[in-house]
Amino acid sequence: MTLKAAKTWFLRLLPVVLFFICYYCSQFYFESDGGSGKSPQPTVSLCHSYRMKRKWESLKLNMSRKTELFLKLEDFFWREHLSAEALPYGIKGSELLLLKVLAVTSSFTMPANIESLDCRTCAVIGNGFSIKNSSLGEIINKYDVVIRLNDAPVRGYEEDVGNKTTLRLFYPESASYNPGIHNDPDTLQVLVPFKQQDLRWLKEILYDEKRVRNGFWKPPPQIWLGRASQIRVLDPYFLRLTASKLLQIIPLQPRRQQKPVHPTTGILAVFVALNYCDVVHVAGFGYPESRNQKQPIHYYGKDTMRSMKNSYHDLNQEALVLKRLEDQGAILYLHPHS
């Protein structure tokens, strides 16, 4: 073979060789859970059950994973698991409200096509400024389950945050009056009830009853266009365990002189994902330092750290927990972060 012919064959084979090199490098990258500077893809290669079990056990939460996320009518009386706590960590005192809500919402849990997966990949999308200009939209849309929070918009921000939404966790004060604007038609609207008024608000919406406006720190929508068939109520189990096991907020019920501290919807969503999914990737998490009061906190709107002044959350503790989850390989960020 002449030198010229050999050179021609080399140039033809070069793209194939480079492809296999890139492929095996990417597999090594995923298996090592490293490289927060790049955006990992959701891949079944991350779903080896022994690895995920080891990750879950490494959290040392002294508990088992729970994949039944929502309260169901057939479980209503909980005769074997009576709740000893009131909302937000139990249903004691709210049974009748729940009975009415669950009677008209769907009894189905997650979509069958997701329930049947051998491996579930999850992306939990926070509302933080860090996701702005990230161009993660196409990657986010590839996950089996995409969890979003409160009234965070999608339309107009698709390039950075994607437009797929499987679950949207919210409470009345954070509800968008028309969920159809920023959600898919089959998005599950998951109520996180922090207090009895939250369940009462949903009951009044579902039964078209007179709205009671007292008991909210911010007026919730008086007209809410969510469809009953897409509404779910998150089991308070998840908020209780997020607080007691993950954040170690003790006591759960503060003394009257103390200001209550509850998990944010974001850290709750991460805990839900850790229970339900085999692979959990996150984006848009983290707050600026508290001394930087003028720094935007969301990828949308104009809220700054000043708006978090009277927050019922321990943001420093949540940041430490997210860092620990990342260090233990339980979660992986889709973008660089501080």
Protein backbone atom coordinates (compact mmCIF):
# COMPACT_ATOMS: atom_id res chain seq x y z
CA MET A 1 0.00 0.00 0.00
CA THR A 2 1.35 3.38 -0.97
CA LEU A 3 1.84 6.17 1.54
CA LYS A 4 -0.91 8.17 -0.14
CA ALA A 5 -3.39 5.24 0.06
CA ALA A 6 -2.52 4.62 3.70
CA LYS A 7 -3.10 8.27 4.50
CA THR A 8 -6.51 8.14 2.78
CA TRP A 9 -7.60 5.08 4.80
CA PHE A 10 -6.37 6.71 8.02
CA LEU A 11 -8.46 9.82 7.38
CA ARG A 12 -11.50 7.65 6.67
CA LEU A 13 -11.09 5.65 9.88
CA LEU A 14 -10.28 8.65 12.08
CA PRO A 15 -13.95 9.69 12.71
CA VAL A 16 -14.83 6.11 13.74
CA VAL A 17 -11.88 5.92 16.13
CA LEU A 18 -12.74 9.30 17.64
CA PHE A 19 -16.38 8.22 18.08
CA PHE A 20 -15.41 5.15 20.11
CA ILE A 21 -12.91 7.12 22.18
CA CYS A 22 -15.57 9.74 23.02
CA TYR A 23 -18.12 7.03 23.78
CA TYR A 24 -15.93 5.16 26.25
CA CYS A 25 -14.77 8.40 27.85
CA SER A 26 -18.40 9.42 28.38
CA GLN A 27 -19.18 6.04 29.95
CA PHE A 28 -16.27 6.50 32.34
CA TYR A 29 -17.50 9.99 33.15
CA PHE A 30 -21.00 8.78 34.02
CA GLU A 31 -19.76 5.83 36.04
CA SER A 32 -17.53 8.13 38.11
CA ASP A 33 -20.33 10.63 38.73
CA GLY A 34 -17.85 13.40 38.19
CA GLY A 35 -17.44 16.57 36.21
CA SER A 36 -19.99 19.08 37.48
CA GLY A 37 -18.74 21.45 34.78
CA LYS A 38 -20.50 19.42 32.06
CA SER A 39 -24.11 18.47 31.60
CA PRO A 40 -24.63 14.71 32.07
CA GLN A 41 -27.24 12.94 29.97
CA PRO A 42 -29.92 10.72 31.51
CA THR A 43 -28.70 7.22 30.74
CA VAL A 44 -29.59 3.70 31.82
CA SER A 45 -25.88 3.04 32.39
CA LEU A 46 -26.35 4.96 35.64
CA CYS A 47 -29.14 2.67 36.77
CA HIS A 48 -27.26 -0.32 38.09
CA SER A 49 -29.42 -1.32 41.05
CA TYR A 50 -26.48 -2.24 43.28
CA ARG A 51 -24.99 1.23 42.86
CA MET A 52 -28.25 3.03 43.58
CA LYS A 53 -28.87 0.87 46.64
CA ARG A 54 -25.39 1.67 47.89
CA LYS A 55 -26.00 5.39 47.34
CA TRP A 56 -29.27 5.24 49.25
CA GLU A 57 -27.65 3.36 52.12
CA SER A 58 -24.76 5.82 52.18
CA LEU A 59 -27.20 8.56 53.19
CA LYS A 60 -27.53 6.78 56.57
CA LEU A 61 -31.14 7.88 56.96
CA ASN A 62 -32.05 4.62 58.73
CA MET A 63 -35.12 4.16 56.57
CA SER A 64 -36.30 2.47 53.38
CA ARG A 65 -37.22 4.05 50.07
CA LYS A 66 -40.92 4.74 49.58
CA THR A 67 -42.30 5.00 46.05
CA GLU A 68 -46.01 5.54 46.76
CA LEU A 69 -45.96 9.32 46.57
CA PHE A 70 -49.60 10.38 46.91
CA LEU A 71 -52.49 9.92 49.32
CA LYS A 72 -55.27 7.75 47.92
CA LEU A 73 -58.93 7.44 48.86
CA GLU A 74 -58.68 3.70 49.45
CA ASP A 75 -55.97 4.37 52.06
CA PHE A 76 -57.97 7.13 53.68
CA PHE A 77 -58.71 5.63 57.08
CA TRP A 78 -55.09 4.47 57.62
CA ARG A 79 -56.25 2.04 60.27
CA GLU A 80 -52.79 0.52 60.54
CA HIS A 81 -50.94 3.81 60.23
CA LEU A 82 -52.89 6.40 62.16
CA SER A 83 -51.21 9.78 61.99
CA ALA A 84 -50.15 11.24 65.33
CA GLU A 85 -49.11 14.58 63.84
CA ALA A 86 -50.99 17.46 62.26
CA LEU A 87 -50.02 19.13 59.00
CA PRO A 88 -47.51 19.63 57.55
CA TYR A 89 -46.05 16.38 58.91
CA GLY A 90 -49.23 14.33 59.34
CA ILE A 91 -52.97 14.39 58.67
CA LYS A 92 -54.31 14.44 62.23
CA GLY A 93 -57.31 16.78 62.38
CA SER A 94 -57.57 17.08 58.58
CA GLU A 95 -59.22 13.75 57.81
CA LEU A 96 -62.60 15.11 56.71
CA LEU A 97 -61.07 17.71 54.42
CA LEU A 98 -58.86 15.07 52.88
CA LEU A 99 -61.78 12.71 52.42
CA LYS A 100 -63.63 15.30 50.35
CA VAL A 101 -60.57 16.21 48.29
CA LEU A 102 -59.58 12.63 47.54
CA ALA A 103 -63.16 11.69 46.65
CA VAL A 104 -63.07 13.85 43.50
CA THR A 105 -59.43 13.59 42.47
CA SER A 106 -57.94 10.70 40.56
CA SER A 107 -56.88 7.57 42.46
CA PHE A 108 -54.13 6.81 39.95
CA THR A 109 -50.55 7.36 41.06
CA MET A 110 -47.83 7.99 38.48
CA PRO A 111 -48.38 7.38 34.74
CA ALA A 112 -48.19 3.68 33.84
CA ASN A 113 -45.39 4.21 31.31
CA ILE A 114 -43.20 5.61 34.10
CA GLU A 115 -44.27 3.12 36.77
CA SER A 116 -43.26 0.22 34.50
CA LEU A 117 -39.70 1.44 33.88
CA ASP A 118 -36.86 -0.71 35.18
CA CYS A 119 -34.86 2.46 35.74
CA ARG A 120 -36.29 5.93 36.29
CA THR A 121 -34.23 9.03 35.56
CA CYS A 122 -35.32 12.22 37.31
CA ALA A 123 -34.45 15.87 36.86
CA VAL A 124 -35.45 18.21 39.69
CA ILE A 125 -35.51 21.76 38.35
CA GLY A 126 -35.16 24.45 40.97
CA ASN A 127 -36.10 28.06 40.37
CA GLY A 128 -32.65 29.48 41.11
CA PHE A 129 -30.80 32.08 39.06
CA SER A 130 -28.01 29.55 38.41
CA ILE A 131 -29.98 27.89 35.60
CA LYS A 132 -30.28 31.12 33.65
CA ASN A 133 -28.34 31.06 30.33
CA SER A 134 -27.49 27.38 30.90
CA SER A 135 -28.99 26.08 27.62
CA LEU A 136 -30.06 22.91 29.43
CA GLY A 137 -33.55 22.73 27.95
CA GLU A 138 -33.01 19.88 25.49
CA ILE A 139 -31.16 17.78 28.09
CA ILE A 140 -33.86 18.30 30.73
CA ASN A 141 -36.58 17.16 28.33
CA LYS A 142 -34.90 13.74 27.97
CA TYR A 143 -35.46 12.64 31.57
CA ASP A 144 -38.26 10.21 32.40
CA VAL A 145 -39.52 12.45 35.21
CA VAL A 146 -39.12 16.23 35.35
CA ILE A 147 -40.14 17.82 38.65
CA ARG A 148 -40.79 21.57 38.85
CA LEU A 149 -41.67 23.83 41.75
CA ASN A 150 -44.44 26.26 42.57
CA ASP A 151 -45.35 28.73 39.81
CA ALA A 152 -41.97 28.73 38.02
CA PRO A 153 -42.66 29.59 34.35
CA VAL A 154 -41.64 27.47 31.39
CA ARG A 155 -42.96 29.37 28.38
CA GLY A 156 -40.32 31.84 27.23
CA TYR A 157 -37.56 30.02 29.17
CA GLU A 158 -37.53 26.73 27.27
CA GLU A 159 -33.92 27.03 26.11
CA ASP A 160 -32.67 26.99 29.69
CA VAL A 161 -35.29 24.96 31.59
CA GLY A 162 -36.97 22.78 28.94
CA ASN A 163 -40.73 22.42 28.55
CA LYS A 164 -41.43 18.94 29.88
CA THR A 165 -43.11 18.72 33.29
CA THR A 166 -44.14 15.45 34.90
CA LEU A 167 -44.82 16.71 38.43
CA ARG A 168 -45.28 20.22 39.72
CA LEU A 169 -45.18 20.59 43.49
CA PHE A 170 -47.08 23.60 44.81
CA TYR A 171 -49.13 25.02 47.68
CA PRO A 172 -51.99 27.55 47.40
CA GLU A 173 -49.85 30.68 47.76
CA SER A 174 -47.52 29.43 45.02
CA ALA A 175 -50.21 28.24 42.60
CA SER A 176 -50.57 29.74 39.13
CA TYR A 177 -54.25 30.39 38.43
CA ASN A 178 -54.02 28.66 35.03
CA PRO A 179 -51.68 25.61 35.19
CA GLY A 180 -52.20 24.99 31.48
CA ILE A 181 -49.95 27.90 30.51
CA HIS A 182 -46.67 26.47 31.80
CA ASN A 183 -47.40 22.74 32.03
CA ASP A 184 -48.08 19.79 29.75
CA PRO A 185 -51.71 18.62 29.53
CA ASP A 186 -50.81 15.48 31.52
CA THR A 187 -48.67 17.20 34.17
CA LEU A 188 -49.62 16.08 37.68
CA GLN A 189 -50.35 19.04 39.95
CA VAL A 190 -49.11 17.88 43.37
CA LEU A 191 -50.42 19.80 46.37
CA VAL A 192 -48.02 20.00 49.32
CA PRO A 193 -50.38 20.80 52.24
CA PHE A 194 -48.57 22.80 54.92
CA LYS A 195 -51.75 23.65 56.87
CA GLN A 196 -55.47 22.90 57.00
CA GLN A 197 -56.26 26.04 55.01
CA ASP A 198 -54.36 24.54 52.07
CA LEU A 199 -56.70 21.54 51.92
CA ARG A 200 -59.71 23.78 52.50
CA TRP A 201 -58.65 25.98 49.57
CA LEU A 202 -58.43 22.96 47.27
CA LYS A 203 -61.79 21.60 48.50
CA GLU A 204 -63.49 24.94 47.84
CA ILE A 205 -61.98 25.03 44.34
CA LEU A 206 -63.02 21.45 43.54
CA TYR A 207 -66.56 21.83 44.87
CA ASP A 208 -66.96 25.45 43.70
CA GLU A 209 -67.73 26.63 47.20
CA LYS A 210 -67.37 30.07 48.70
CA ARG A 211 -63.67 30.86 49.14
CA VAL A 212 -62.25 31.63 52.57
CA ARG A 213 -59.31 34.00 52.28
CA ASN A 214 -58.07 33.95 55.88
CA GLY A 215 -55.03 31.97 56.97
CA PHE A 216 -52.69 32.58 54.04
CA TRP A 217 -49.49 34.61 54.04
CA LYS A 218 -50.26 35.61 50.45
CA PRO A 219 -53.67 35.53 48.71
CA PRO A 220 -53.97 32.29 46.68
CA PRO A 221 -55.89 32.20 43.38
CA GLN A 222 -59.63 32.43 43.93
CA ILE A 223 -60.12 30.84 40.52
CA TRP A 224 -57.83 27.91 39.75
CA LEU A 225 -58.10 26.11 36.43
CA GLY A 226 -56.41 22.87 37.44
CA ARG A 227 -58.18 19.68 36.35
CA ALA A 228 -59.33 17.32 39.11
CA SER A 229 -58.01 14.29 37.22
CA GLN A 230 -54.48 15.71 37.32
CA ILE A 231 -54.48 16.72 41.00
CA ARG A 232 -52.62 14.71 43.63
CA VAL A 233 -51.92 15.29 47.33
CA LEU A 234 -48.39 14.50 48.44
CA ASP A 235 -48.15 12.14 51.38
CA PRO A 236 -46.98 14.20 54.41
CA TYR A 237 -44.57 11.35 55.06
CA PHE A 238 -42.13 12.93 52.64
CA LEU A 239 -42.13 16.35 54.26
CA ARG A 240 -41.81 14.78 57.71
CA LEU A 241 -38.80 12.68 56.68
CA THR A 242 -37.23 15.58 54.77
CA ALA A 243 -37.39 17.63 57.95
CA SER A 244 -36.49 14.99 60.54
CA LYS A 245 -34.03 12.76 58.66
CA LEU A 246 -32.55 14.88 55.90
CA LEU A 247 -32.47 18.35 57.50
CA GLN A 248 -32.66 17.15 61.11
CA ILE A 249 -35.03 19.93 62.11
CA ILE A 250 -35.82 19.15 65.73
CA PRO A 251 -38.38 19.54 67.16
CA LEU A 252 -40.77 19.28 64.21
CA GLN A 253 -43.45 21.19 66.13
CA PRO A 254 -41.79 24.28 67.69
CA ARG A 255 -42.75 25.88 70.97
CA ARG A 256 -45.11 28.83 70.74
CA GLN A 257 -42.28 31.32 71.21
CA GLN A 258 -40.27 29.78 68.36
CA LYS A 259 -40.60 30.58 64.69
CA PRO A 260 -41.45 27.41 62.74
CA VAL A 261 -38.86 26.15 60.26
CA HIS A 262 -40.00 23.96 57.37
CA PRO A 263 -38.21 22.47 54.34
CA THR A 264 -38.45 24.40 51.08
CA THR A 265 -40.43 22.86 48.25
CA GLY A 266 -37.11 22.39 46.47
CA ILE A 267 -35.38 20.20 49.06
CA LEU A 268 -38.66 18.31 49.46
CA ALA A 269 -38.72 17.62 45.70
CA VAL A 270 -35.15 16.30 45.87
CA PHE A 271 -36.14 13.92 48.68
CA VAL A 272 -39.20 12.77 46.72
CA ALA A 273 -36.98 12.11 43.71
CA LEU A 274 -34.46 10.15 45.80
CA ASN A 275 -37.31 7.90 46.90
CA TYR A 276 -38.94 7.42 43.52
CA CYS A 277 -36.08 7.55 41.00
CA ASP A 278 -32.91 5.59 40.34
CA VAL A 279 -30.99 8.55 38.91
CA VAL A 280 -31.48 12.04 40.34
CA HIS A 281 -29.99 15.08 38.62
CA VAL A 282 -30.71 18.64 39.72
CA ALA A 283 -30.44 22.14 38.28
CA GLY A 284 -31.36 25.62 39.42
CA PHE A 285 -30.61 25.09 43.12
CA GLY A 286 -28.81 27.41 45.48
CA TYR A 287 -29.27 30.93 46.85
CA PRO A 288 -26.80 33.85 46.82
CA GLU A 289 -25.04 34.70 50.06
CA SER A 290 -27.40 36.46 52.45
CA ARG A 291 -25.24 39.59 52.56
CA ASN A 292 -25.90 40.14 48.85
CA GLN A 293 -29.45 41.41 49.30
CA LYS A 294 -29.82 42.73 45.74
CA GLN A 295 -28.84 39.51 43.96
CA PRO A 296 -31.70 37.92 41.94
CA ILE A 297 -32.77 34.56 43.33
CA HIS A 298 -34.84 33.23 40.40
CA TYR A 299 -34.24 32.72 36.69
CA TYR A 300 -37.43 34.75 36.18
CA GLY A 301 -38.91 37.82 37.84
CA LYS A 302 -37.17 40.39 40.01
CA ASP A 303 -37.19 38.87 43.51
CA THR A 304 -33.92 39.28 45.41
CA MET A 305 -32.48 37.89 48.65
CA ARG A 306 -34.31 40.66 50.46
CA SER A 307 -37.58 38.80 49.81
CA MET A 308 -36.25 35.82 51.83
CA LYS A 309 -35.71 37.92 54.97
CA ASN A 310 -38.69 36.49 56.86
CA SER A 311 -38.46 33.03 55.35
CA TYR A 312 -39.60 29.98 57.31
CA HIS A 313 -36.67 28.01 55.88
CA ASP A 314 -33.10 27.32 56.96
CA LEU A 315 -31.35 28.00 53.66
CA ASN A 316 -27.85 27.44 55.06
CA GLN A 317 -28.77 24.00 56.37
CA GLU A 318 -30.39 23.05 53.07
CA ALA A 319 -27.26 24.11 51.18
CA LEU A 320 -25.14 21.89 53.41
CA VAL A 321 -27.48 18.94 52.87
CA LEU A 322 -27.43 19.37 49.09
CA LYS A 323 -23.62 19.48 49.21
CA ARG A 324 -23.59 16.26 51.24
CA LEU A 325 -25.96 14.56 48.81
CA GLU A 326 -23.71 15.61 45.94
CA ASP A 327 -20.54 14.44 47.69
CA GLN A 328 -22.15 11.06 48.39
CA GLY A 329 -23.16 10.68 44.76
CA ALA A 330 -26.88 10.65 45.50
CA ILE A 331 -27.50 13.65 43.25
CA LEU A 332 -25.60 15.19 40.36
CA TYR A 333 -25.80 18.80 39.21
CA LEU A 334 -26.44 19.52 35.55
CA HIS A 335 -24.39 22.73 35.61
CA PRO A 336 -21.45 24.28 37.46
CA HIS A 337 -22.34 25.73 40.84
CA SER A 338 -20.71 27.24 43.87
